[in-house]
Amino acid sequence: MTKRAIAYTSDIILGNTGEIIERAFQRKRIEQYAAENGVEIVAWFEDEAYNENIFARPRVKEMLEYREPYELVLVERTWAISRKWKEIRAMMQVLESKHARVEATTTLWDCVSQMARNYYRPAQRKVESPSYALEAERERESATIDLVKTYGRQGGKAVDRYVNVIVKPGAVKPKVRRPNRLAFQRIS
């Protein structure tokens, strides 16, 4: 089944060097990605001038007003939209209301690109691991935590034991450097 997409490019200026990732390069990468993944590109939108306020860009406005059905907005990298997560998330939320999503054809490992990639993924598991100090603060009294039982290795040897540490409200996480060595954090 072929997915329908619109594509967006904008000249991307690289930080301190001032080099530009040109729209022609981005267009080739998007076309290649579409061909490899069974995506039909139904419209192209290109902005010449990079403006950090994405909703002020003329082609972004046209793209958001586009009425034909589509499921994806393809960009070569999320930087074509913005390098700020706040701006990218705002764009993603607008597109979600239109039942579409942003998909980058290039996998980058900067924080913003990873956040954009993970935006549509369902949560893998519920995380419930409050810090030591928060547990003790919640109880409003000192607490003794067996680090081996609570946070240690399963099936460890006797030499892998860590010492019990007393944690008081507002205390910082105890630092345990090496197994079988006493390492306390002074609690005043």
C-alpha atoms as a PDB file:
ATOM      1  CA  MET A   1       0.000   0.000   0.000  1.00  0.00           C
ATOM      2  CA  THR A   2       1.429   3.342  -1.041  1.00  0.00           C
ATOM      3  CA  LYS A   3       1.534   6.181   1.455  1.00  0.00           C
ATOM      4  CA  ARG A   4       0.822   9.688   0.221  1.00  0.00           C
ATOM      5  CA  ALA A   5       3.197  12.431   1.311  1.00  0.00           C
ATOM      6  CA  ILE A   6       4.039  16.045   0.800  1.00  0.00           C
ATOM      7  CA  ALA A   7       7.693  17.068   0.913  1.00  0.00           C
ATOM      8  CA  TYR A   8       9.262  20.160   2.442  1.00  0.00           C
ATOM      9  CA  THR A   9      12.742  21.599   1.937  1.00  0.00           C
ATOM     10  CA  SER A  10      14.460  24.753   3.088  1.00  0.00           C
ATOM     11  CA  ASP A  11      18.104  25.808   2.875  1.00  0.00           C
ATOM     12  CA  ILE A  12      19.750  24.717   6.124  1.00  0.00           C
ATOM     13  CA  ILE A  13      22.603  26.860   7.412  1.00  0.00           C
ATOM     14  CA  LEU A  14      25.134  24.913   9.462  1.00  0.00           C
ATOM     15  CA  GLY A  15      26.194  26.597  12.704  1.00  0.00           C
ATOM     16  CA  ASN A  16      29.600  28.237  12.857  1.00  0.00           C
ATOM     17  CA  THR A  17      30.790  27.301   9.369  1.00  0.00           C
ATOM     18  CA  GLY A  18      27.962  28.949   7.463  1.00  0.00           C
ATOM     19  CA  GLU A  19      27.812  26.026   5.035  1.00  0.00           C
ATOM     20  CA  ILE A  20      24.421  25.378   3.475  1.00  0.00           C
ATOM     21  CA  ILE A  21      22.650  22.078   2.926  1.00  0.00           C
ATOM     22  CA  GLU A  22      20.964  23.001  -0.318  1.00  0.00           C
ATOM     23  CA  ARG A  23      17.382  22.231  -1.261  1.00  0.00           C
ATOM     24  CA  ALA A  24      18.499  20.300  -4.374  1.00  0.00           C
ATOM     25  CA  PHE A  25      20.480  17.873  -2.191  1.00  0.00           C
ATOM     26  CA  GLN A  26      17.537  17.508   0.191  1.00  0.00           C
ATOM     27  CA  ARG A  27      15.166  16.910  -2.723  1.00  0.00           C
ATOM     28  CA  LYS A  28      17.328  14.041  -4.073  1.00  0.00           C
ATOM     29  CA  ARG A  29      17.459  12.393  -0.647  1.00  0.00           C
ATOM     30  CA  ILE A  30      13.686  12.704  -0.194  1.00  0.00           C
ATOM     31  CA  GLU A  31      13.005  11.270  -3.672  1.00  0.00           C
ATOM     32  CA  GLN A  32      15.351   8.349  -2.996  1.00  0.00           C
ATOM     33  CA  TYR A  33      13.690   7.644   0.376  1.00  0.00           C
ATOM     34  CA  ALA A  34      10.218   7.795  -1.185  1.00  0.00           C
ATOM     35  CA  ALA A  35      11.199   5.345  -3.945  1.00  0.00           C
ATOM     36  CA  GLU A  36      12.718   2.881  -1.449  1.00  0.00           C
ATOM     37  CA  ASN A  37       9.778   3.020   0.973  1.00  0.00           C
ATOM     38  CA  GLY A  38       6.770   3.048  -1.344  1.00  0.00           C
ATOM     39  CA  VAL A  39       5.811   6.658  -0.698  1.00  0.00           C
ATOM     40  CA  GLU A  40       4.094   8.766  -3.340  1.00  0.00           C
ATOM     41  CA  ILE A  41       4.987  12.458  -3.122  1.00  0.00           C
ATOM     42  CA  VAL A  42       1.891  14.436  -4.100  1.00  0.00           C
ATOM     43  CA  ALA A  43       3.256  17.967  -3.549  1.00  0.00           C
ATOM     44  CA  TRP A  44       6.531  19.817  -2.945  1.00  0.00           C
ATOM     45  CA  PHE A  45       7.010  22.926  -0.818  1.00  0.00           C
ATOM     46  CA  GLU A  46      10.337  24.808  -0.755  1.00  0.00           C
ATOM     47  CA  ASP A  47      11.337  27.895   1.193  1.00  0.00           C
ATOM     48  CA  GLU A  48      14.414  29.780   0.024  1.00  0.00           C
ATOM     49  CA  ALA A  49      15.090  31.812   3.135  1.00  0.00           C
ATOM     50  CA  TYR A  50      15.457  30.081   6.484  1.00  0.00           C
ATOM     51  CA  ASN A  51      13.334  31.710   9.175  1.00  0.00           C
ATOM     52  CA  GLU A  52      13.312  30.278  12.703  1.00  0.00           C
ATOM     53  CA  ASN A  53       9.633  31.187  13.043  1.00  0.00           C
ATOM     54  CA  ILE A  54       8.371  28.322  10.905  1.00  0.00           C
ATOM     55  CA  PHE A  55       4.776  29.518  10.752  1.00  0.00           C
ATOM     56  CA  ALA A  56       5.952  32.778   9.130  1.00  0.00           C
ATOM     57  CA  ARG A  57       7.511  30.941   6.184  1.00  0.00           C
ATOM     58  CA  PRO A  58       5.388  31.316   3.023  1.00  0.00           C
ATOM     59  CA  ARG A  59       5.640  27.684   1.830  1.00  0.00           C
ATOM     60  CA  VAL A  60       4.911  26.324   5.311  1.00  0.00           C
ATOM     61  CA  LYS A  61       1.691  28.339   5.287  1.00  0.00           C
ATOM     62  CA  GLU A  62       0.802  26.865   1.880  1.00  0.00           C
ATOM     63  CA  MET A  63       1.706  23.393   3.093  1.00  0.00           C
ATOM     64  CA  LEU A  64      -0.591  23.688   6.110  1.00  0.00           C
ATOM     65  CA  GLU A  65      -3.429  24.911   3.868  1.00  0.00           C
ATOM     66  CA  TYR A  66      -2.953  22.019   1.399  1.00  0.00           C
ATOM     67  CA  ARG A  67      -6.328  20.241   1.050  1.00  0.00           C
ATOM     68  CA  GLU A  68      -5.503  16.990  -0.774  1.00  0.00           C
ATOM     69  CA  PRO A  69      -5.181  13.872   1.416  1.00  0.00           C
ATOM     70  CA  TYR A  70      -1.707  12.948   2.684  1.00  0.00           C
ATOM     71  CA  GLU A  71      -0.292  10.967   5.588  1.00  0.00           C
ATOM     72  CA  LEU A  72       3.310  12.157   5.790  1.00  0.00           C
ATOM     73  CA  VAL A  73       5.337  15.315   5.564  1.00  0.00           C
ATOM     74  CA  LEU A  74       8.783  14.245   4.371  1.00  0.00           C
ATOM     75  CA  VAL A  75      11.823  16.327   5.250  1.00  0.00           C
ATOM     76  CA  GLU A  76      15.434  15.402   4.612  1.00  0.00           C
ATOM     77  CA  ARG A  77      16.221  16.201   8.253  1.00  0.00           C
ATOM     78  CA  THR A  78      14.229  17.893  10.980  1.00  0.00           C
ATOM     79  CA  TRP A  79      16.568  20.865  10.742  1.00  0.00           C
ATOM     80  CA  ALA A  80      14.646  21.914   7.613  1.00  0.00           C
ATOM     81  CA  ILE A  81      11.820  22.751  10.004  1.00  0.00           C
ATOM     82  CA  SER A  82      13.876  23.979  12.939  1.00  0.00           C
ATOM     83  CA  ARG A  83      16.644  23.078  15.354  1.00  0.00           C
ATOM     84  CA  LYS A  84      14.468  23.967  18.321  1.00  0.00           C
ATOM     85  CA  TRP A  85      12.285  21.226  19.750  1.00  0.00           C
ATOM     86  CA  LYS A  86       9.562  23.711  20.725  1.00  0.00           C
ATOM     87  CA  GLU A  87       9.124  24.761  17.075  1.00  0.00           C
ATOM     88  CA  ILE A  88       9.229  21.203  15.707  1.00  0.00           C
ATOM     89  CA  ARG A  89       6.723  19.977  18.289  1.00  0.00           C
ATOM     90  CA  ALA A  90       4.360  22.842  17.419  1.00  0.00           C
ATOM     91  CA  MET A  91       4.522  21.832  13.748  1.00  0.00           C
ATOM     92  CA  MET A  92       3.943  18.169  14.641  1.00  0.00           C
ATOM     93  CA  GLN A  93       0.906  19.051  16.718  1.00  0.00           C
ATOM     94  CA  VAL A  94      -0.623  21.056  13.868  1.00  0.00           C
ATOM     95  CA  LEU A  95      -0.007  18.167  11.477  1.00  0.00           C
ATOM     96  CA  GLU A  96      -1.476  15.660  13.954  1.00  0.00           C
ATOM     97  CA  SER A  97      -4.738  17.595  13.851  1.00  0.00           C
ATOM     98  CA  LYS A  98      -4.678  16.949  10.082  1.00  0.00           C
ATOM     99  CA  HIS A  99      -3.925  13.226  10.686  1.00  0.00           C
ATOM    100  CA  ALA A 100      -0.420  13.530   9.249  1.00  0.00           C
ATOM    101  CA  ARG A 101       3.063  13.148  10.675  1.00  0.00           C
ATOM    102  CA  VAL A 102       6.573  14.407  10.002  1.00  0.00           C
ATOM    103  CA  GLU A 103       9.120  11.858   8.822  1.00  0.00           C
ATOM    104  CA  ALA A 104      12.809  12.620   8.322  1.00  0.00           C
ATOM    105  CA  THR A 105      14.636  10.700   5.618  1.00  0.00           C
ATOM    106  CA  THR A 106      18.027  11.058   7.326  1.00  0.00           C
ATOM    107  CA  THR A 107      18.716   9.643  10.780  1.00  0.00           C
ATOM    108  CA  LEU A 108      20.663  12.129  12.877  1.00  0.00           C
ATOM    109  CA  TRP A 109      21.657  11.619  16.503  1.00  0.00           C
ATOM    110  CA  ASP A 110      21.399  15.139  17.896  1.00  0.00           C
ATOM    111  CA  CYS A 111      18.864  15.533  20.723  1.00  0.00           C
ATOM    112  CA  VAL A 112      16.204  17.362  18.709  1.00  0.00           C
ATOM    113  CA  SER A 113      16.255  14.804  15.873  1.00  0.00           C
ATOM    114  CA  GLN A 114      15.915  11.947  18.355  1.00  0.00           C
ATOM    115  CA  MET A 115      13.026  13.660  20.123  1.00  0.00           C
ATOM    116  CA  ALA A 116      11.269  14.158  16.790  1.00  0.00           C
ATOM    117  CA  ARG A 117      11.779  10.481  15.890  1.00  0.00           C
ATOM    118  CA  ASN A 118      10.442   9.316  19.232  1.00  0.00           C
ATOM    119  CA  TYR A 119       7.477  11.702  19.260  1.00  0.00           C
ATOM    120  CA  TYR A 120       5.170   9.242  17.485  1.00  0.00           C
ATOM    121  CA  ARG A 121       6.383   6.089  19.204  1.00  0.00           C
ATOM    122  CA  PRO A 122       4.166   4.676  21.939  1.00  0.00           C
ATOM    123  CA  ALA A 123       5.669   4.520  25.401  1.00  0.00           C
ATOM    124  CA  GLN A 124       7.563   1.248  25.801  1.00  0.00           C
ATOM    125  CA  ARG A 125       6.967   0.878  29.514  1.00  0.00           C
ATOM    126  CA  LYS A 126       5.804   2.847  32.478  1.00  0.00           C
ATOM    127  CA  VAL A 127       8.798   4.163  34.384  1.00  0.00           C
ATOM    128  CA  GLU A 128       8.447   4.205  38.152  1.00  0.00           C
ATOM    129  CA  SER A 129      11.844   4.634  39.775  1.00  0.00           C
ATOM    130  CA  PRO A 130      11.875   7.626  42.131  1.00  0.00           C
ATOM    131  CA  SER A 131      15.251   8.693  43.479  1.00  0.00           C
ATOM    132  CA  TYR A 132      16.433   7.781  46.953  1.00  0.00           C
ATOM    133  CA  ALA A 133      15.925  11.279  48.334  1.00  0.00           C
ATOM    134  CA  LEU A 134      12.366  11.526  46.990  1.00  0.00           C
ATOM    135  CA  GLU A 135      11.388   8.224  48.628  1.00  0.00           C
ATOM    136  CA  ALA A 136      12.697   9.380  51.975  1.00  0.00           C
ATOM    137  CA  GLU A 137      11.182  12.838  51.591  1.00  0.00           C
ATOM    138  CA  ARG A 138       7.816  11.310  50.833  1.00  0.00           C
ATOM    139  CA  GLU A 139       7.947   9.355  54.065  1.00  0.00           C
ATOM    140  CA  ARG A 140       9.216  12.470  55.945  1.00  0.00           C
ATOM    141  CA  GLU A 141      11.714  10.415  57.926  1.00  0.00           C
ATOM    142  CA  SER A 142      15.055   8.687  57.554  1.00  0.00           C
ATOM    143  CA  ALA A 143      15.060   5.496  55.570  1.00  0.00           C
ATOM    144  CA  THR A 144      17.524   2.671  55.243  1.00  0.00           C
ATOM    145  CA  ILE A 145      17.941   1.295  51.760  1.00  0.00           C
ATOM    146  CA  ASP A 146      19.633  -1.996  51.017  1.00  0.00           C
ATOM    147  CA  LEU A 147      21.391  -1.015  47.787  1.00  0.00           C
ATOM    148  CA  VAL A 148      22.096  -4.629  46.828  1.00  0.00           C
ATOM    149  CA  LYS A 149      18.512  -5.735  47.252  1.00  0.00           C
ATOM    150  CA  THR A 150      16.980  -2.609  45.728  1.00  0.00           C
ATOM    151  CA  TYR A 151      19.441  -1.579  43.028  1.00  0.00           C
ATOM    152  CA  GLY A 152      22.188  -4.200  43.012  1.00  0.00           C
ATOM    153  CA  ARG A 153      22.933  -7.094  40.718  1.00  0.00           C
ATOM    154  CA  GLN A 154      20.881 -10.260  40.803  1.00  0.00           C
ATOM    155  CA  GLY A 155      22.819 -13.423  41.625  1.00  0.00           C
ATOM    156  CA  GLY A 156      25.919 -11.482  42.641  1.00  0.00           C
ATOM    157  CA  LYS A 157      28.799 -12.884  44.690  1.00  0.00           C
ATOM    158  CA  ALA A 158      29.587 -11.946  48.265  1.00  0.00           C
ATOM    159  CA  VAL A 159      32.239  -9.494  47.037  1.00  0.00           C
ATOM    160  CA  ASP A 160      29.592  -7.644  45.022  1.00  0.00           C
ATOM    161  CA  ARG A 161      27.806  -6.387  48.118  1.00  0.00           C
ATOM    162  CA  TYR A 162      27.276  -2.704  48.656  1.00  0.00           C
ATOM    163  CA  VAL A 163      26.896  -1.098  52.046  1.00  0.00           C
ATOM    164  CA  ASN A 164      23.537   0.096  53.393  1.00  0.00           C
ATOM    165  CA  VAL A 165      23.268   3.853  53.376  1.00  0.00           C
ATOM    166  CA  ILE A 166      21.005   6.001  55.497  1.00  0.00           C
ATOM    167  CA  VAL A 167      19.171   8.578  53.437  1.00  0.00           C
ATOM    168  CA  LYS A 168      17.497  11.627  54.968  1.00  0.00           C
ATOM    169  CA  PRO A 169      14.980  13.995  53.346  1.00  0.00           C
ATOM    170  CA  GLY A 170      16.654  16.293  50.846  1.00  0.00           C
ATOM    171  CA  ALA A 171      19.789  14.133  50.646  1.00  0.00           C
ATOM    172  CA  VAL A 172      21.532  13.537  47.363  1.00  0.00           C
ATOM    173  CA  LYS A 173      21.919  10.074  45.846  1.00  0.00           C
ATOM    174  CA  PRO A 174      24.685   8.197  47.693  1.00  0.00           C
ATOM    175  CA  LYS A 175      27.843   7.607  45.696  1.00  0.00           C
ATOM    176  CA  VAL A 176      29.124   4.039  45.738  1.00  0.00           C
ATOM    177  CA  ARG A 177      32.345   3.801  43.781  1.00  0.00           C
ATOM    178  CA  ARG A 178      33.499   0.204  43.883  1.00  0.00           C
ATOM    179  CA  PRO A 179      32.169  -3.033  45.309  1.00  0.00           C
ATOM    180  CA  ASN A 180      33.486  -4.028  48.719  1.00  0.00           C
ATOM    181  CA  ARG A 181      34.598  -0.472  49.549  1.00  0.00           C
ATOM    182  CA  LEU A 182      32.870   1.721  52.062  1.00  0.00           C
ATOM    183  CA  ALA A 183      31.772   4.911  50.396  1.00  0.00           C
ATOM    184  CA  PHE A 184      29.452   7.148  52.341  1.00  0.00           C
ATOM    185  CA  GLN A 185      28.140  10.537  51.567  1.00  0.00           C
ATOM    186  CA  ARG A 186      28.197  12.741  54.617  1.00  0.00           C
ATOM    187  CA  ILE A 187      24.687  13.764  55.659  1.00  0.00           C
ATOM    188  CA  SER A 188      24.605  16.879  57.820  1.00  0.00           C
END
